[in-house]
PDB file of all heavy atoms in Angstrom:
ATOM      1  N   PHE A   1     -15.088 -45.293 -30.632  1.00  0.00           N
ATOM      2  CA  PHE A   1     -13.909 -44.555 -30.092  1.00  0.00           C
ATOM      3  C   PHE A   1     -12.806 -44.678 -31.249  1.00  0.00           C
ATOM      4  O   PHE A   1     -12.546 -45.783 -31.614  1.00  0.00           O
ATOM      5  CB  PHE A   1     -13.279 -45.173 -28.816  1.00  0.00           C
ATOM      6  CG  PHE A   1     -14.107 -44.898 -27.599  1.00  0.00           C
ATOM      7  CD1 PHE A   1     -15.367 -45.415 -27.364  1.00  0.00           C
ATOM      8  CD2 PHE A   1     -13.629 -43.926 -26.613  1.00  0.00           C
ATOM      9  CE1 PHE A   1     -16.061 -45.221 -26.211  1.00  0.00           C
ATOM     10  CE2 PHE A   1     -14.389 -43.664 -25.504  1.00  0.00           C
ATOM     11  CZ  PHE A   1     -15.579 -44.286 -25.310  1.00  0.00           C
ATOM     12  N   LYS A   2     -12.353 -43.517 -31.666  1.00  0.00           N
ATOM     13  CA  LYS A   2     -11.235 -43.515 -32.745  1.00  0.00           C
ATOM     14  C   LYS A   2     -10.292 -42.368 -32.421  1.00  0.00           C
ATOM     15  O   LYS A   2     -10.689 -41.388 -31.828  1.00  0.00           O
ATOM     16  CB  LYS A   2     -11.912 -43.368 -34.078  1.00  0.00           C
ATOM     17  CG  LYS A   2     -12.735 -42.211 -34.319  1.00  0.00           C
ATOM     18  CD  LYS A   2     -13.485 -42.253 -35.622  1.00  0.00           C
ATOM     19  CE  LYS A   2     -14.353 -41.072 -35.887  1.00  0.00           C
ATOM     20  NZ  LYS A   2     -15.098 -41.100 -37.129  1.00  0.00           N
ATOM     21  N   GLY A   3      -9.074 -42.466 -32.906  1.00  0.00           N
ATOM     22  CA  GLY A   3      -8.119 -41.516 -32.634  1.00  0.00           C
ATOM     23  C   GLY A   3      -6.786 -41.718 -33.208  1.00  0.00           C
ATOM     24  O   GLY A   3      -6.534 -42.599 -33.964  1.00  0.00           O
ATOM     25  N   LEU A   4      -5.836 -40.755 -33.035  1.00  0.00           N
ATOM     26  CA  LEU A   4      -4.520 -40.729 -33.507  1.00  0.00           C
ATOM     27  C   LEU A   4      -3.546 -40.500 -32.318  1.00  0.00           C
ATOM     28  O   LEU A   4      -3.909 -39.780 -31.372  1.00  0.00           O
ATOM     29  CB  LEU A   4      -4.302 -39.642 -34.559  1.00  0.00           C
ATOM     30  CG  LEU A   4      -5.194 -39.764 -35.784  1.00  0.00           C
ATOM     31  CD1 LEU A   4      -5.111 -38.406 -36.592  1.00  0.00           C
ATOM     32  CD2 LEU A   4      -4.923 -40.888 -36.643  1.00  0.00           C
ATOM     33  N   GLU A   5      -2.360 -41.032 -32.414  1.00  0.00           N
ATOM     34  CA  GLU A   5      -1.252 -40.830 -31.486  1.00  0.00           C
ATOM     35  C   GLU A   5       0.078 -40.792 -32.214  1.00  0.00           C
ATOM     36  O   GLU A   5       0.229 -41.425 -33.228  1.00  0.00           O
ATOM     37  CB  GLU A   5      -1.156 -41.994 -30.492  1.00  0.00           C
ATOM     38  CG  GLU A   5      -2.464 -42.272 -29.595  1.00  0.00           C
ATOM     39  CD  GLU A   5      -2.406 -43.489 -28.931  1.00  0.00           C
ATOM     40  OE1 GLU A   5      -1.540 -44.402 -29.167  1.00  0.00           O
ATOM     41  OE2 GLU A   5      -3.304 -43.771 -28.115  1.00  0.00           O
ATOM     42  N   GLY A   6       0.949 -40.014 -31.717  1.00  0.00           N
ATOM     43  CA  GLY A   6       2.285 -39.957 -32.240  1.00  0.00           C
ATOM     44  C   GLY A   6       3.279 -39.344 -31.284  1.00  0.00           C
ATOM     45  O   GLY A   6       2.962 -38.579 -30.352  1.00  0.00           O
ATOM     46  N   GLU A   7       4.496 -39.774 -31.432  1.00  0.00           N
ATOM     47  CA  GLU A   7       5.601 -39.270 -30.614  1.00  0.00           C
ATOM     48  C   GLU A   7       6.954 -39.486 -31.377  1.00  0.00           C
ATOM     49  O   GLU A   7       7.092 -40.400 -32.166  1.00  0.00           O
ATOM     50  CB  GLU A   7       5.665 -39.985 -29.257  1.00  0.00           C
ATOM     51  CG  GLU A   7       5.901 -41.374 -29.264  1.00  0.00           C
ATOM     52  CD  GLU A   7       5.953 -42.015 -27.915  1.00  0.00           C
ATOM     53  OE1 GLU A   7       6.365 -41.415 -26.917  1.00  0.00           O
ATOM     54  OE2 GLU A   7       5.600 -43.171 -27.728  1.00  0.00           O
ATOM     55  N   GLY A   8       7.923 -38.671 -31.082  1.00  0.00           N
ATOM     56  CA  GLY A   8       9.250 -38.782 -31.648  1.00  0.00           C
ATOM     57  C   GLY A   8      10.250 -38.120 -30.869  1.00  0.00           C
ATOM     58  O   GLY A   8      10.046 -37.215 -30.053  1.00  0.00           O
ATOM     59  N   LYS A   9      11.466 -38.578 -31.057  1.00  0.00           N
ATOM     60  CA  LYS A   9      12.697 -38.025 -30.440  1.00  0.00           C
ATOM     61  C   LYS A   9      13.870 -37.951 -31.478  1.00  0.00           C
ATOM     62  O   LYS A   9      14.157 -38.930 -32.079  1.00  0.00           O
ATOM     63  CB  LYS A   9      13.149 -38.855 -29.260  1.00  0.00           C
ATOM     64  CG  LYS A   9      14.289 -38.279 -28.466  1.00  0.00           C
ATOM     65  CD  LYS A   9      14.599 -39.130 -27.263  1.00  0.00           C
ATOM     66  CE  LYS A   9      15.706 -38.545 -26.429  1.00  0.00           C
ATOM     67  NZ  LYS A   9      16.071 -39.337 -25.142  1.00  0.00           N
ATOM     68  N   PHE A  10      14.416 -36.689 -31.556  1.00  0.00           N
ATOM     69  CA  PHE A  10      15.408 -36.502 -32.644  1.00  0.00           C
ATOM     70  C   PHE A  10      16.634 -35.807 -32.025  1.00  0.00           C
ATOM     71  O   PHE A  10      16.493 -34.857 -31.364  1.00  0.00           O
ATOM     72  CB  PHE A  10      14.819 -35.695 -33.799  1.00  0.00           C
ATOM     73  CG  PHE A  10      13.528 -36.187 -34.296  1.00  0.00           C
ATOM     74  CD1 PHE A  10      12.227 -35.779 -33.793  1.00  0.00           C
ATOM     75  CD2 PHE A  10      13.510 -37.174 -35.295  1.00  0.00           C
ATOM     76  CE1 PHE A  10      11.178 -36.302 -34.273  1.00  0.00           C
ATOM     77  CE2 PHE A  10      12.380 -37.628 -35.777  1.00  0.00           C
ATOM     78  CZ  PHE A  10      11.093 -37.204 -35.340  1.00  0.00           C
ATOM     79  N   ARG A  11      17.914 -36.268 -32.373  1.00  0.00           N
ATOM     80  CA  ARG A  11      19.035 -35.624 -31.920  1.00  0.00           C
ATOM     81  C   ARG A  11      19.302 -34.530 -32.962  1.00  0.00           C
ATOM     82  O   ARG A  11      19.604 -34.748 -34.052  1.00  0.00           O
ATOM     83  CB  ARG A  11      20.230 -36.660 -31.906  1.00  0.00           C
ATOM     84  CG  ARG A  11      21.549 -35.914 -31.624  1.00  0.00           C
ATOM     85  CD  ARG A  11      21.653 -35.384 -30.245  1.00  0.00           C
ATOM     86  NE  ARG A  11      21.290 -36.243 -29.130  1.00  0.00           N
ATOM     87  CZ  ARG A  11      22.179 -37.156 -28.516  1.00  0.00           C
ATOM     88  NH1 ARG A  11      23.396 -37.243 -28.902  1.00  0.00           N
ATOM     89  NH2 ARG A  11      21.627 -37.854 -27.455  1.00  0.00           N
ATOM     90  N   VAL A  12      19.272 -33.275 -32.461  1.00  0.00           N
ATOM     91  CA  VAL A  12      19.296 -32.088 -33.341  1.00  0.00           C
ATOM     92  C   VAL A  12      20.721 -31.405 -33.221  1.00  0.00           C
ATOM     93  O   VAL A  12      21.078 -30.528 -34.018  1.00  0.00           O
ATOM     94  CB  VAL A  12      18.200 -31.008 -33.145  1.00  0.00           C
ATOM     95  CG1 VAL A  12      16.898 -31.800 -33.394  1.00  0.00           C
ATOM     96  CG2 VAL A  12      18.243 -30.516 -31.588  1.00  0.00           C
ATOM     97  N   TYR A  13      21.467 -31.699 -32.162  1.00  0.00           N
ATOM     98  CA  TYR A  13      22.812 -31.058 -32.048  1.00  0.00           C
ATOM     99  C   TYR A  13      23.631 -31.964 -31.126  1.00  0.00           C
ATOM    100  O   TYR A  13      23.296 -32.500 -30.082  1.00  0.00           O
ATOM    101  CB  TYR A  13      22.597 -29.693 -31.349  1.00  0.00           C
ATOM    102  CG  TYR A  13      23.964 -29.020 -30.980  1.00  0.00           C
ATOM    103  CD1 TYR A  13      24.639 -28.401 -31.993  1.00  0.00           C
ATOM    104  CD2 TYR A  13      24.371 -29.038 -29.661  1.00  0.00           C
ATOM    105  CE1 TYR A  13      25.990 -27.807 -31.650  1.00  0.00           C
ATOM    106  CE2 TYR A  13      25.560 -28.456 -29.346  1.00  0.00           C
ATOM    107  CZ  TYR A  13      26.348 -27.846 -30.284  1.00  0.00           C
ATOM    108  OH  TYR A  13      27.555 -27.274 -30.022  1.00  0.00           O
ATOM    109  N   GLU A  14      24.927 -32.155 -31.621  1.00  0.00           N
ATOM    110  CA  GLU A  14      25.932 -32.725 -30.755  1.00  0.00           C
ATOM    111  C   GLU A  14      27.181 -31.820 -30.933  1.00  0.00           C
ATOM    112  O   GLU A  14      27.620 -31.424 -31.985  1.00  0.00           O
ATOM    113  CB  GLU A  14      26.273 -34.106 -31.332  1.00  0.00           C
ATOM    114  CG  GLU A  14      25.186 -35.155 -31.095  1.00  0.00           C
ATOM    115  CD  GLU A  14      25.475 -36.500 -31.571  1.00  0.00           C
ATOM    116  OE1 GLU A  14      26.552 -36.691 -32.369  1.00  0.00           O
ATOM    117  OE2 GLU A  14      24.927 -37.480 -31.138  1.00  0.00           O
ATOM    118  N   GLY A  15      27.834 -31.507 -29.788  1.00  0.00           N
ATOM    119  CA  GLY A  15      28.911 -30.670 -29.689  1.00  0.00           C
ATOM    120  C   GLY A  15      29.239 -30.307 -28.332  1.00  0.00           C
ATOM    121  O   GLY A  15      29.747 -31.184 -27.488  1.00  0.00           O
ATOM    122  N   THR A  16      28.986 -28.989 -27.893  1.00  0.00           N
ATOM    123  CA  THR A  16      29.137 -28.712 -26.522  1.00  0.00           C
ATOM    124  C   THR A  16      27.799 -29.117 -25.811  1.00  0.00           C
ATOM    125  O   THR A  16      26.831 -28.459 -25.723  1.00  0.00           O
ATOM    126  CB  THR A  16      29.280 -27.093 -26.360  1.00  0.00           C
ATOM    127  OG1 THR A  16      30.314 -26.782 -27.217  1.00  0.00           O
ATOM    128  CG2 THR A  16      29.490 -26.732 -24.949  1.00  0.00           C
ATOM    129  N   GLY A  17      27.810 -30.451 -25.547  1.00  0.00           N
ATOM    130  CA  GLY A  17      26.675 -31.105 -25.001  1.00  0.00           C
ATOM    131  C   GLY A  17      25.706 -31.679 -26.173  1.00  0.00           C
ATOM    132  O   GLY A  17      25.993 -31.476 -27.321  1.00  0.00           O
ATOM    133  N   ASP A  18      24.656 -32.331 -25.794  1.00  0.00           N
ATOM    134  CA  ASP A  18      23.750 -32.923 -26.718  1.00  0.00           C
ATOM    135  C   ASP A  18      22.393 -32.403 -26.490  1.00  0.00           C
ATOM    136  O   ASP A  18      21.821 -32.172 -25.452  1.00  0.00           O
ATOM    137  CB  ASP A  18      23.648 -34.508 -26.477  1.00  0.00           C
ATOM    138  CG  ASP A  18      25.024 -35.122 -26.717  1.00  0.00           C
ATOM    139  OD1 ASP A  18      25.795 -34.677 -27.556  1.00  0.00           O
ATOM    140  OD2 ASP A  18      25.285 -36.131 -25.924  1.00  0.00           O
ATOM    141  N   LEU A  19      21.729 -32.059 -27.679  1.00  0.00           N
ATOM    142  CA  LEU A  19      20.396 -31.539 -27.607  1.00  0.00           C
ATOM    143  C   LEU A  19      19.408 -32.369 -28.450  1.00  0.00           C
ATOM    144  O   LEU A  19      19.672 -32.738 -29.644  1.00  0.00           O
ATOM    145  CB  LEU A  19      20.409 -30.063 -28.268  1.00  0.00           C
ATOM    146  CG  LEU A  19      19.005 -29.275 -28.236  1.00  0.00           C
ATOM    147  CD1 LEU A  19      18.602 -29.057 -26.792  1.00  0.00           C
ATOM    148  CD2 LEU A  19      19.164 -28.013 -29.130  1.00  0.00           C
ATOM    149  N   ASP A  20      18.346 -32.828 -27.823  1.00  0.00           N
ATOM    150  CA  ASP A  20      17.297 -33.706 -28.428  1.00  0.00           C
ATOM    151  C   ASP A  20      15.977 -32.908 -28.451  1.00  0.00           C
ATOM    152  O   ASP A  20      15.641 -32.095 -27.558  1.00  0.00           O
ATOM    153  CB  ASP A  20      17.041 -34.897 -27.610  1.00  0.00           C
ATOM    154  CG  ASP A  20      18.339 -35.767 -27.739  1.00  0.00           C
ATOM    155  OD1 ASP A  20      18.932 -35.900 -28.780  1.00  0.00           O
ATOM    156  OD2 ASP A  20      18.549 -36.494 -26.656  1.00  0.00           O
ATOM    157  N   LEU A  21      15.329 -32.987 -29.609  1.00  0.00           N
ATOM    158  CA  LEU A  21      13.893 -32.494 -29.755  1.00  0.00           C
ATOM    159  C   LEU A  21      12.981 -33.684 -29.609  1.00  0.00           C
ATOM    160  O   LEU A  21      13.138 -34.685 -30.162  1.00  0.00           O
ATOM    161  CB  LEU A  21      13.836 -31.872 -31.146  1.00  0.00           C
ATOM    162  CG  LEU A  21      12.272 -31.530 -31.554  1.00  0.00           C
ATOM    163  CD1 LEU A  21      11.829 -30.352 -30.744  1.00  0.00           C
ATOM    164  CD2 LEU A  21      12.243 -31.168 -33.114  1.00  0.00           C
ATOM    165  N   THR A  22      11.923 -33.450 -28.735  1.00  0.00           N
ATOM    166  CA  THR A  22      10.776 -34.454 -28.610  1.00  0.00           C
ATOM    167  C   THR A  22       9.437 -33.826 -29.073  1.00  0.00           C
ATOM    168  O   THR A  22       9.230 -32.619 -28.957  1.00  0.00           O
ATOM    169  CB  THR A  22      10.670 -34.868 -27.222  1.00  0.00           C
ATOM    170  OG1 THR A  22      10.332 -33.677 -26.387  1.00  0.00           O
ATOM    171  CG2 THR A  22      12.032 -35.458 -26.645  1.00  0.00           C
ATOM    172  N   LEU A  23       8.708 -34.675 -29.662  1.00  0.00           N
ATOM    173  CA  LEU A  23       7.371 -34.275 -30.197  1.00  0.00           C
ATOM    174  C   LEU A  23       6.305 -35.272 -29.711  1.00  0.00           C
ATOM    175  O   LEU A  23       6.632 -36.546 -29.612  1.00  0.00           O
ATOM    176  CB  LEU A  23       7.409 -34.192 -31.780  1.00  0.00           C
ATOM    177  CG  LEU A  23       8.283 -33.230 -32.469  1.00  0.00           C
ATOM    178  CD1 LEU A  23       8.321 -33.519 -33.921  1.00  0.00           C
ATOM    179  CD2 LEU A  23       8.051 -31.859 -32.092  1.00  0.00           C
ATOM    180  N   ARG A  24       5.095 -34.828 -29.489  1.00  0.00           N
ATOM    181  CA  ARG A  24       3.959 -35.688 -29.129  1.00  0.00           C
ATOM    182  C   ARG A  24       2.766 -35.161 -29.358  1.00  0.00           C
ATOM    183  O   ARG A  24       2.649 -33.939 -29.499  1.00  0.00           O
ATOM    184  CB  ARG A  24       4.192 -36.162 -27.622  1.00  0.00           C
ATOM    185  CG  ARG A  24       3.986 -35.040 -26.646  1.00  0.00           C
ATOM    186  CD  ARG A  24       4.262 -35.510 -25.249  1.00  0.00           C
ATOM    187  NE  ARG A  24       4.293 -34.465 -24.253  1.00  0.00           N
ATOM    188  CZ  ARG A  24       3.464 -34.282 -23.369  1.00  0.00           C
ATOM    189  NH1 ARG A  24       2.361 -34.923 -23.281  1.00  0.00           N
ATOM    190  NH2 ARG A  24       3.637 -33.241 -22.416  1.00  0.00           N
TER     191      ARG A  24
END
């Protein structure tokens, strides 16, 4: 059994509210 995993969270905008981008 072999494999890869990944995830991330990035703040892409702050101003009128906050916007985060998530990847997985």
